[in-house]
Protein backbone atom coordinates (compact mmCIF):
# COMPACT_ATOMS: atom_id res chain seq x y z
CA MET A 1 128.18 55.78 98.66
CA THR A 2 132.40 56.52 99.15
CA ASP A 3 133.70 59.76 100.46
CA GLU A 4 135.03 60.75 97.18
CA LYS A 5 131.54 60.12 95.62
CA ASN A 6 130.00 63.18 98.53
CA THR A 7 132.69 65.40 98.03
CA LEU A 8 132.24 68.17 95.74
CA PRO A 9 135.05 69.89 94.07
CA GLN A 10 134.77 73.92 94.94
CA SER A 11 134.42 75.16 91.28
CA LYS A 12 130.98 73.35 91.24
CA ARG A 13 130.25 73.98 94.80
CA ILE A 14 130.00 78.17 93.76
CA VAL A 15 128.29 77.28 90.51
CA ILE A 16 125.43 75.71 92.29
CA ALA A 17 125.95 78.42 95.28
CA ILE A 18 125.38 81.01 92.91
CA ALA A 19 122.59 79.16 91.16
CA PHE A 20 120.84 78.83 94.34
CA SER A 21 121.45 82.10 95.22
CA ILE A 22 119.50 83.24 91.52
CA LEU A 23 117.03 81.11 92.20
CA SER A 24 115.65 82.63 95.49
CA GLY A 25 116.22 86.18 93.99
CA ALA A 26 113.76 85.02 91.41
CA LEU A 27 111.27 83.44 93.74
CA LEU A 28 110.88 86.53 95.60
CA PHE A 29 110.73 88.86 92.65
CA LEU A 30 107.31 86.28 91.68
CA ALA A 31 106.07 85.99 95.14
CA TYR A 32 105.02 89.44 94.57
CA PRO A 33 102.81 91.78 92.56
CA PRO A 34 102.52 92.12 89.49
CA VAL A 35 103.02 88.05 89.48
CA ASN A 36 102.03 87.62 93.13
CA PHE A 37 102.70 83.75 92.99
CA TRP A 38 101.88 83.94 96.95
CA PRO A 39 103.16 80.15 97.45
CA LEU A 40 106.70 80.75 96.69
CA ILE A 41 107.20 83.13 99.79
CA PHE A 42 107.26 80.13 102.11
CA VAL A 43 109.87 78.76 100.14
CA ALA A 44 111.95 81.54 98.54
CA ILE A 45 114.84 82.03 100.83
CA VAL A 46 115.40 78.30 101.44
CA PRO A 47 117.80 78.22 97.75
CA TYR A 48 119.94 81.09 99.24
CA ALA A 49 120.18 79.44 102.69
CA LEU A 50 121.60 76.02 101.54
CA ALA A 51 124.15 78.50 99.30
CA GLN A 52 125.02 80.43 102.55
CA PHE A 53 125.41 77.65 104.62
CA ARG A 54 126.80 74.96 102.53
CA PHE A 55 127.53 75.03 99.10
CA MET A 56 129.60 78.44 98.83
CA PRO A 57 132.98 78.34 100.43
CA ARG A 58 132.61 79.94 103.98
CA LYS A 59 135.15 83.03 103.05
CA TRP A 60 132.15 83.88 100.31
CA ALA A 61 129.57 82.31 102.23
CA PRO A 62 127.62 86.43 102.43
CA LEU A 63 127.95 86.33 98.62
CA ALA A 64 124.73 84.59 98.75
CA PRO A 65 122.11 86.85 100.26
CA THR A 66 123.79 89.96 98.82
CA ILE A 67 123.28 88.29 95.37
CA THR A 68 119.28 87.39 95.95
CA MET A 69 118.67 90.45 97.50
CA THR A 70 120.38 92.38 94.30
CA LEU A 71 118.58 90.35 91.68
CA PHE A 72 115.32 91.11 94.00
CA LEU A 73 115.50 94.81 94.69
CA TRP A 74 116.72 95.64 91.40
CA PRO A 75 113.49 94.68 89.27
CA TYR A 76 111.06 95.16 92.55
CA LEU A 77 112.20 98.99 93.29
CA ALA A 78 112.50 99.66 89.42
CA ARG A 79 108.68 98.50 88.71
CA ILE A 80 107.82 100.19 91.87
CA PHE A 81 109.44 103.74 90.97
CA GLY A 82 109.59 103.64 87.59
CA ILE A 83 112.84 104.68 85.83
CA PRO A 84 112.60 108.63 86.91
CA GLY A 85 112.31 108.08 90.45
CA ALA A 86 114.58 104.46 91.05
CA PRO A 87 118.02 106.05 90.69
CA PHE A 88 117.72 107.61 93.60
CA PHE A 89 117.46 104.07 95.21
CA PHE A 90 119.87 102.39 93.18
CA ARG A 91 122.52 105.08 94.17
CA HIS A 92 121.95 103.74 98.10
CA MET A 93 122.15 99.87 96.94
CA GLY A 94 125.76 99.47 97.50
CA LEU A 95 125.01 100.87 101.03
CA LEU A 96 121.85 98.06 101.63
CA PHE A 97 124.22 95.65 100.44
CA GLY A 98 126.86 96.67 102.37
CA ILE A 99 124.86 96.08 105.63
CA VAL A 100 123.51 92.94 104.44
CA THR A 101 127.01 91.41 103.67
CA LEU A 102 128.16 93.45 107.05
CA PHE A 103 125.30 91.51 109.34
CA THR A 104 125.40 87.92 107.26
CA SER A 105 129.57 87.84 107.39
CA THR A 106 129.72 86.66 111.12
CA GLU A 107 126.12 83.68 110.75
CA ARG A 108 127.80 80.60 109.20
CA ARG A 109 130.56 81.08 111.57
CA PHE A 110 128.45 81.77 114.56
CA HIS A 111 125.83 78.42 113.47
CA GLU A 112 129.17 76.07 112.92
CA ILE A 113 130.54 77.50 116.58
CA THR A 114 127.03 76.49 118.16
CA ARG A 115 126.50 73.65 115.98
CA TYR A 116 123.41 75.16 114.32
CA ARG A 117 121.60 75.27 117.46
CA TYR A 118 120.01 78.54 116.96
CA PHE A 119 119.94 78.20 113.15
CA VAL A 120 116.09 79.21 113.03
CA LEU A 121 116.21 81.45 115.67
CA GLN A 122 118.43 83.47 114.66
CA GLY A 123 117.31 83.67 110.96
CA ILE A 124 114.30 84.68 112.12
CA PHE A 125 114.99 87.32 113.97
CA ALA A 126 117.54 88.51 111.32
CA TRP A 127 114.94 88.86 108.98
CA VAL A 128 112.08 90.26 110.54
CA GLY A 129 114.07 92.55 112.89
CA PHE A 130 115.68 94.47 110.25
CA GLU A 131 112.15 94.33 108.55
CA MET A 132 111.42 96.49 111.53
CA ILE A 133 114.32 98.64 111.20
CA ARG A 134 113.16 99.47 107.42
CA GLY A 135 109.56 100.10 109.10
CA LEU A 136 110.59 102.89 111.07
CA ILE A 137 112.69 104.63 107.65
CA PRO A 138 110.58 107.30 106.68
CA VAL A 139 111.17 106.41 103.09
CA LEU A 140 110.46 102.68 103.26
CA GLY A 141 107.62 101.56 105.59
CA THR A 142 106.62 98.23 105.00
CA ILE A 143 107.68 98.23 101.49
CA GLY A 144 108.97 94.67 100.64
CA PHE A 145 107.75 93.07 103.87
CA VAL A 146 107.31 89.18 103.05
CA GLY A 147 103.90 89.06 104.74
CA ASN A 148 102.36 91.78 101.91
CA THR A 149 102.75 88.87 99.34
CA LEU A 150 99.66 87.31 100.65
CA ALA A 151 97.32 90.45 100.94
CA SER A 152 95.08 88.38 98.49
CA GLN A 153 94.83 85.55 100.59
CA ALA A 154 92.36 86.72 103.34
CA TRP A 155 91.49 83.81 104.74
CA LEU A 156 95.07 83.34 105.87
CA ILE A 157 96.08 86.61 107.14
CA GLN A 158 93.63 87.53 110.09
CA PRO A 159 95.68 87.17 112.89
CA ILE A 160 97.60 89.86 112.44
CA SER A 161 94.82 91.80 114.43
CA ILE A 162 96.70 90.50 117.00
CA PHE A 163 100.13 90.19 116.21
CA SER A 164 100.33 92.46 113.76
CA ILE A 165 101.74 92.06 110.31
CA TYR A 166 105.20 91.36 111.85
CA GLY A 167 103.23 88.20 113.23
CA LEU A 168 102.79 87.31 109.37
CA ASN A 169 106.49 87.65 108.55
CA LEU A 170 107.26 85.67 111.54
CA LEU A 171 105.54 82.86 110.47
CA ILE A 172 106.31 83.10 106.99
CA ILE A 173 110.25 83.16 108.30
CA LEU A 174 109.94 80.18 109.95
CA VAL A 175 108.37 78.69 107.42
CA ASN A 176 111.77 78.98 105.57
CA TYR A 177 114.56 78.33 107.99
CA SER A 178 112.63 75.59 109.18
CA LEU A 179 112.67 73.69 105.42
CA ALA A 180 115.73 75.02 104.98
CA PHE A 181 117.21 73.25 108.45
CA LEU A 182 115.78 69.86 106.73
CA ALA A 183 117.07 70.93 103.54
CA LEU A 184 120.53 71.64 105.10
CA ARG A 185 120.03 68.08 106.79
CA TRP A 186 119.35 66.41 103.75
CA VAL A 187 122.25 67.98 102.16
CA ASP A 188 124.61 66.43 105.09
CA MET A 189 123.56 63.19 104.50
CA ARG A 190 124.67 63.00 100.41
CA TYR A 191 127.77 65.50 100.62
CA LYS A 192 130.78 65.62 102.75
CA PHE A 193 132.06 69.56 103.10
CA GLU A 194 135.26 69.93 104.73
CA ASP A 195 134.16 73.31 105.67
CA SER A 196 130.99 72.64 107.29
CA PHE A 197 129.58 70.99 109.87
CA PRO A 198 126.60 69.19 109.96
CA VAL A 199 123.50 69.90 111.52
CA ASP A 200 121.79 67.94 114.29
CA PRO A 201 118.95 65.74 112.88
CA ILE A 202 117.28 66.18 116.41
CA HIS A 203 117.26 70.06 116.07
CA ALA A 204 116.08 69.70 112.56
CA ARG A 205 113.10 67.52 113.49
CA ARG A 206 112.20 69.76 116.22
CA TRP A 207 112.17 72.65 114.50
CA ALA A 208 110.15 71.36 111.74
CA LEU A 209 107.25 70.00 114.63
CA ILE A 210 107.40 73.41 116.03
CA CYS A 211 106.95 75.36 112.71
CA LEU A 212 104.09 72.77 112.06
CA ALA A 213 102.33 73.55 115.18
CA VAL A 214 102.53 76.93 114.76
CA SER A 215 101.29 76.96 110.96
CA ALA A 216 98.60 75.04 111.89
CA LEU A 217 97.46 76.98 114.62
CA TRP A 218 97.38 80.13 112.75
CA VAL A 219 95.65 78.83 109.69
CA ALA A 220 92.91 77.17 111.97
CA GLY A 221 92.81 80.61 113.92
CA SER A 222 92.48 82.28 110.94
CA LEU A 223 89.68 80.30 109.06
CA VAL A 224 87.82 80.29 112.49
CA MET A 225 88.06 84.59 112.63
CA TYR A 226 87.62 84.43 108.81
CA GLN A 227 84.30 82.94 109.09
CA ILE A 228 82.91 85.21 112.33
CA PRO A 229 80.07 87.05 110.29
CA LEU A 230 80.35 91.00 110.31
CA GLU A 231 77.00 91.48 112.08
CA SER A 232 77.35 95.90 111.94
CA PRO A 233 75.14 98.23 109.87
CA THR A 234 76.24 98.40 106.25
CA VAL A 235 77.18 101.86 104.38
CA ARG A 236 76.74 101.66 100.33
CA ILE A 237 80.16 103.68 99.32
CA ALA A 238 81.77 104.92 96.07
CA ALA A 239 84.92 105.58 95.50
CA LEU A 240 85.51 107.91 92.45
CA HIS A 241 88.62 106.34 90.44
CA ASN A 242 89.35 109.07 88.10
CA TYR A 243 92.61 109.96 86.44
CA PHE A 244 94.23 113.10 86.42
CA ASP A 245 98.02 114.01 85.02
CA ALA A 246 99.38 116.31 87.79
CA PRO A 247 98.71 116.86 91.62
CA GLY A 248 96.39 119.51 92.60
CA HIS A 249 98.44 122.00 93.64
CA GLN A 250 100.37 121.87 90.56
CA ALA A 251 97.08 122.28 88.30
CA ASP A 252 95.83 125.66 86.67
CA ASP A 253 92.59 127.66 87.15
CA THR A 254 91.36 125.58 83.91
CA GLU A 255 92.60 122.83 84.64
CA GLN A 256 90.89 123.01 88.52
CA ALA A 257 87.07 123.91 87.51
CA SER A 258 87.25 120.56 84.89
CA ARG A 259 88.29 118.55 87.76
CA VAL A 260 85.33 119.64 90.07
CA ALA A 261 82.82 119.30 87.16
CA SER A 262 84.29 115.59 86.22
CA PHE A 263 84.05 114.03 89.84
CA SER A 264 81.05 116.02 90.40
CA GLU A 265 79.61 114.13 87.42
CA GLN A 266 80.83 110.74 88.99
CA ALA A 267 79.56 111.65 92.53
CA ARG A 268 76.14 112.20 90.46
CA GLU A 269 76.30 108.94 89.50
CA ALA A 270 76.94 107.13 92.78
CA ALA A 271 73.94 108.69 94.20
CA ARG A 272 72.13 107.30 91.40
CA GLN A 273 74.02 103.85 92.38
CA GLY A 274 72.82 104.79 95.85
CA ALA A 275 76.31 105.34 97.34
CA GLU A 276 76.05 107.33 100.57
CA VAL A 277 79.90 108.25 101.18
CA ILE A 278 81.92 109.30 98.48
CA PHE A 279 85.81 109.09 98.20
CA ILE A 280 88.22 111.47 95.94
CA PRO A 281 91.46 110.01 95.45
CA GLU A 282 94.49 112.50 96.71
CA MET A 283 95.53 115.69 95.40
CA ALA A 284 92.49 115.84 93.36
CA PHE A 285 92.29 119.71 93.74
CA GLY A 286 94.77 122.37 94.64
CA PHE A 287 92.79 124.74 96.87
CA ASP A 288 90.84 124.47 99.98
CA PRO A 289 86.92 123.22 99.89
CA GLN A 290 85.66 125.25 102.67
CA THR A 291 87.57 128.48 101.26
CA SER A 292 87.31 127.77 97.26
CA TYR A 293 84.25 126.39 95.48
CA THR A 294 82.90 125.93 98.60
CA GLU A 295 79.04 126.82 97.49
CA GLU A 296 79.57 124.22 94.48
CA PHE A 297 80.37 121.49 96.92
CA ARG A 298 77.73 122.00 99.37
CA ALA A 299 75.23 121.99 96.74
CA LEU A 300 76.58 118.83 95.63
CA ALA A 301 76.21 117.17 98.66
CA ALA A 302 73.03 118.46 99.07
CA GLU A 303 72.01 117.24 95.54
CA THR A 304 73.15 113.81 96.18
CA ASN A 305 72.33 113.92 100.01
CA ALA A 306 76.17 111.59 100.63
CA TYR A 307 78.72 112.14 102.61
CA LEU A 308 81.83 113.33 100.11
CA TYR A 309 85.28 113.10 101.35
CA ILE A 310 87.65 115.67 99.50
CA THR A 311 91.14 115.70 99.11
CA TYR A 312 93.55 118.24 98.28
CA ALA A 313 97.11 119.68 98.16
CA TYR A 314 98.35 123.28 98.27
CA HIS A 315 101.05 125.88 99.82
CA GLU A 316 100.37 128.84 101.27
CA GLU A 317 102.30 131.28 103.96
CA ASN A 318 102.20 128.99 106.92
CA GLY A 319 102.84 125.68 105.12
CA TRP A 320 102.14 122.83 102.96
CA HIS A 321 98.86 121.43 102.97
CA ASN A 322 97.93 117.75 101.75
CA GLU A 323 94.70 116.74 103.67
CA THR A 324 91.48 115.19 103.20
CA VAL A 325 87.66 116.51 104.78
CA LEU A 326 84.55 115.38 105.06
CA LEU A 327 81.61 117.46 103.80
CA SER A 328 77.77 116.60 104.95
CA PRO A 329 75.04 116.30 103.08
CA ASP A 330 73.56 119.42 105.44
CA GLY A 331 77.03 121.19 104.06
CA GLU A 332 78.78 121.20 107.40
CA PHE A 333 82.56 120.56 107.18
CA THR A 334 84.50 118.34 109.63
CA ASN A 335 88.51 118.84 111.15
CA GLN A 336 90.58 117.92 108.47
CA TYR A 337 93.08 115.18 108.34
CA GLY A 338 96.61 115.99 107.22
CA LYS A 339 99.21 113.79 105.59
CA LEU A 340 101.58 112.45 108.65
CA HIS A 341 103.85 110.44 106.42
CA ALA A 342 105.27 111.80 102.98
CA PHE A 343 108.41 111.22 100.13
CA GLY A 344 109.12 113.69 98.06
CA GLU A 345 106.79 116.29 99.38
CA PRO A 346 106.99 118.44 102.91
CA ARG A 347 105.41 118.05 105.89
CA THR A 348 101.71 119.18 106.22
CA VAL A 349 101.57 121.35 108.80
CA SER A 350 98.21 119.63 110.08
CA SER A 351 99.80 116.34 110.77
CA GLY A 352 99.91 114.65 113.80
CA THR A 353 96.20 114.73 114.79
CA PHE A 354 93.82 111.71 113.91
CA PRO A 355 90.49 113.08 113.67
CA VAL A 356 87.12 111.07 113.63
CA GLN A 357 84.02 111.72 112.19
CA GLU A 358 80.68 110.57 113.65
CA THR A 359 77.71 110.44 111.49
CA PRO A 360 74.88 108.91 111.53
CA LEU A 361 75.94 106.46 108.94
CA GLY A 362 79.16 105.61 111.31
CA THR A 363 82.58 106.47 112.87
CA LEU A 364 84.45 107.84 109.48
CA GLY A 365 88.05 107.98 109.59
CA SER A 366 90.71 109.19 106.71
CA ILE A 367 94.42 108.52 106.47
CA ILE A 368 96.09 109.24 103.24
CA CYS A 369 98.43 107.40 100.73
CA MET A 370 102.12 106.27 101.93
CA ASP A 371 100.21 106.80 105.83
CA GLY A 372 99.03 103.48 104.87
CA VAL A 373 102.75 102.20 103.96
CA PHE A 374 103.09 102.62 107.64
CA THR A 375 101.49 100.80 110.38
CA ASP A 376 101.05 103.92 112.68
CA ALA A 377 98.29 106.32 111.07
CA ALA A 378 95.62 103.71 110.61
CA ARG A 379 95.98 102.54 114.03
CA PHE A 380 95.73 105.75 115.67
CA VAL A 381 92.78 106.91 113.39
CA THR A 382 91.02 103.43 114.42
CA ARG A 383 91.95 103.56 117.85
CA ASN A 384 89.76 106.69 117.90
CA HIS A 385 86.97 104.47 116.94
CA ALA A 386 87.06 104.86 112.93
CA GLN A 387 84.49 102.26 111.69
CA LEU A 388 85.30 102.70 108.27
CA LEU A 389 88.99 103.75 106.86
CA ALA A 390 89.61 106.27 104.19
CA ILE A 391 92.84 106.36 102.15
CA PRO A 392 93.00 108.08 98.90
CA SER A 393 96.41 108.07 97.30
CA TYR A 394 97.77 109.77 94.35
CA ASN A 395 100.59 107.37 92.92
CA THR A 396 103.06 107.88 90.05
CA THR A 397 103.60 104.84 88.80
CA VAL A 398 101.40 101.54 88.17
CA GLY A 399 103.70 99.43 90.11
CA ILE A 400 103.32 101.46 93.31
CA SER A 401 99.94 101.45 92.92
CA GLU A 402 100.19 97.36 92.64
CA HIS A 403 101.92 97.20 95.73
CA ASN A 404 100.01 99.90 97.84
CA TRP A 405 97.10 98.01 97.56
CA THR A 406 98.41 95.20 99.93
CA HIS A 407 99.52 97.52 102.28
CA PHE A 408 96.23 99.15 102.76
CA LEU A 409 94.78 95.83 102.78
CA MET A 410 96.99 94.61 105.72
CA ARG A 411 95.83 97.92 108.01
CA SER A 412 92.74 96.77 107.41
CA VAL A 413 92.81 93.52 108.86
CA GLU A 414 95.06 94.60 111.24
CA ASN A 415 92.91 97.09 112.82
CA ARG A 416 89.19 95.45 111.55
CA VAL A 417 88.46 98.24 109.90
CA PRO A 418 86.90 98.28 106.03
CA VAL A 419 89.30 100.50 103.47
CA ILE A 420 88.20 102.63 100.42
CA ASN A 421 91.38 103.22 98.73
CA THR A 422 90.54 105.69 96.09
CA ASP A 423 93.51 106.41 93.53
CA ARG A 424 93.95 108.70 90.89
CA GLY A 425 93.37 106.26 87.98
CA LEU A 426 95.48 103.84 88.23
CA VAL A 427 95.05 101.00 91.25
CA SER A 428 91.89 101.48 93.30
CA MET A 429 90.31 99.02 95.93
CA VAL A 430 87.20 98.53 98.19
CA THR A 431 87.94 95.92 101.22
CA ASP A 432 85.77 94.83 104.12
CA ALA A 433 86.98 94.52 107.60
CA ARG A 434 88.63 90.75 107.21
CA GLY A 435 90.48 92.24 104.34
CA LYS A 436 88.23 90.47 101.24
CA ILE A 437 88.47 92.47 98.47
CA LEU A 438 84.68 94.01 97.24
CA ALA A 439 85.66 96.28 94.46
CA PHE A 440 88.97 96.47 92.74
CA ALA A 441 89.88 98.85 89.56
CA ARG A 442 93.32 98.64 87.72
CA THR A 443 93.53 100.77 84.93
CA PRO A 444 97.59 101.12 83.82
CA LYS A 445 97.08 103.43 81.06
CA GLY A 446 95.00 105.58 83.48
CA GLY A 447 91.40 105.93 82.91
CA SER A 448 88.29 106.54 84.89
CA GLU A 449 86.03 104.02 87.00
CA LEU A 450 83.01 104.21 89.43
CA LEU A 451 83.85 101.81 92.43
CA VAL A 452 80.56 101.12 94.27
CA ALA A 453 79.99 98.45 97.14
CA ASN A 454 77.97 97.89 100.11
CA ILE A 455 80.66 97.89 103.00
CA PRO A 456 79.69 96.19 106.34
CA LEU A 457 80.97 98.86 109.24
CA GLY A 458 84.09 97.74 111.37
CA THR A 459 84.29 97.23 115.50
CA GLY A 460 86.33 100.64 115.67
CA SER A 461 88.21 98.22 117.74
CA SER A 462 91.41 95.37 117.54
CA PRO A 463 93.60 93.72 120.01
CA TYR A 464 95.85 94.98 117.88
CA HIS A 465 95.30 98.85 118.84
CA PHE A 466 96.39 98.53 122.14
CA LEU A 467 99.53 95.74 121.23
CA GLY A 468 101.07 98.11 118.03
CA ASP A 469 103.83 96.14 116.41
CA TRP A 470 104.78 94.39 119.19
CA LEU A 471 106.49 91.55 117.78
CA GLY A 472 108.37 93.61 115.23
CA TRP A 473 109.17 94.86 118.81
CA VAL A 474 110.59 91.66 120.20
CA SER A 475 112.31 90.58 116.61
CA LEU A 476 114.14 93.97 117.08
CA GLY A 477 115.22 92.97 120.43
CA GLY A 478 116.06 89.62 119.21
CA PHE A 479 117.64 91.21 116.06
CA ILE A 480 119.98 93.15 118.57
CA PHE A 481 120.36 90.09 120.74
CA PHE A 482 121.91 87.75 118.18
CA ASN A 483 124.07 90.05 117.11
CA ILE A 484 126.04 90.89 120.57
CA PHE A 485 125.51 86.84 121.49
CA GLN A 486 127.42 86.19 117.70
CA MET A 487 130.19 88.41 119.00
CA VAL A 488 131.03 87.21 122.23
CA ILE A 489 130.90 83.64 120.69
CA GLU A 490 133.09 84.42 118.44
CA LYS A 491 135.63 85.90 120.93
CA ARG A 492 135.44 83.04 123.16
CA ALA A 493 135.77 80.70 120.34
CA LYS A 494 139.11 82.46 119.17
CA ASN A 495 139.91 82.32 123.16
CA GLU A 496 139.99 78.93 123.00
CA LYS A 497 141.57 78.44 120.11
CA LYS A 498 144.17 80.29 121.26
CA GLU A 499 144.67 78.22 124.55
CA ILE A 500 144.88 75.75 122.96
CA LEU A 501 147.77 76.43 120.89
CA LYS A 502 149.33 77.92 123.74
CA LYS A 503 149.21 74.80 125.06
CA SER A 504 150.36 72.75 121.99
CA LYS A 505 153.33 74.71 122.23
CA PRO A 506 156.42 73.25 123.77
CA ASN A 507 157.85 74.43 126.73
């Protein structure tokens, strides 16, 4: 093959680069719910890496990730937040793309100067380190994390109880960048680009072997952990999946009474099926059950001989309450839990404490809705030895329900605790402590279902309780390091170029 045959005209290169960038955006979108073809997440980044580091001319290289993220995030956010909620995010997407362009603008030049020695390592830290930053932003949390695509594959995600979801993200990005490294080597063997430096085949093979070894250890460890039997007491639970049009604090007195009657009837049916703990969606009522309908709820708990997790939201003089409280069969209320993370609602006055309830059935705990999108609230509650975790939710769109269950399942495996997510009639889920789904309800147009399952209690402890998001912080440190390192390398290269030019000038 001659050099002429190996050389692509710039126009053709740009077309190929744009096509690869579009392909990556499509692969990312298809890897997430509702399609959820999860194997795609392991190769989704490869096409845009080829576009960024080979086919796109150097000065336009940042366009590749920008195109990919545009085509992924636009439909992704539109589906999650719906048309009414999406404009808030679309107005700020320009800022996001500006950030993507800023942090990728020097990547290609950096890798060319360093002969791609740090290609995989820098790529891993850039992606996961940025995810760590997003994980700290109140509006975002773990929304869009690559690891969430594997929520349906419990056999593959068990090590996150040690390494957290950030460890799973690192594995996915390691696979992508290792494959991209091999793909760059393959392209270098067939084409010649005047503005690119070929990768070292030794480095490409080395990272491929590292990726293979890490992946094999992860999968083997996960399979072993998944096979460990859950030898703990079993509790029969019921999730009352019940659609209602508005949150409890917006319902009038007639609607409040109707909801009490509706949920009471569902609870009685759950009790007939043997339920010992009954869960109700977020914001089901607009009053504190310890001051309103108190005797009705106490009578219901006594009649069903079940523990009732009652959720409610209301305003009063001292502030906003979005809370859940446990009522025992003997009529005793426990300390309420106040929602920690919220978007579009005030701060709950009781937030910041993480009570658990010791019962004859086991130690129970709860967080609320968006708390499960972040990693901290579930960890704080289960660190207090909760053996079962309730996550009631009030999702406004089917799209966000389709994604939220993936977050809640990850919290289950991280903390080795079963999770009961009961939603207001869109998507509800029950999972054991290994992330195995025991019951699932999806009613896109709203509906009423009763999820009943026998759940082995969790251990109440996992290495993650003490280690936390340590790999996320490591990745953030790597992200910061490589941004500084890139500037140092760039400056050194410019100085060396100046010295060469200076020496080449005649005296």
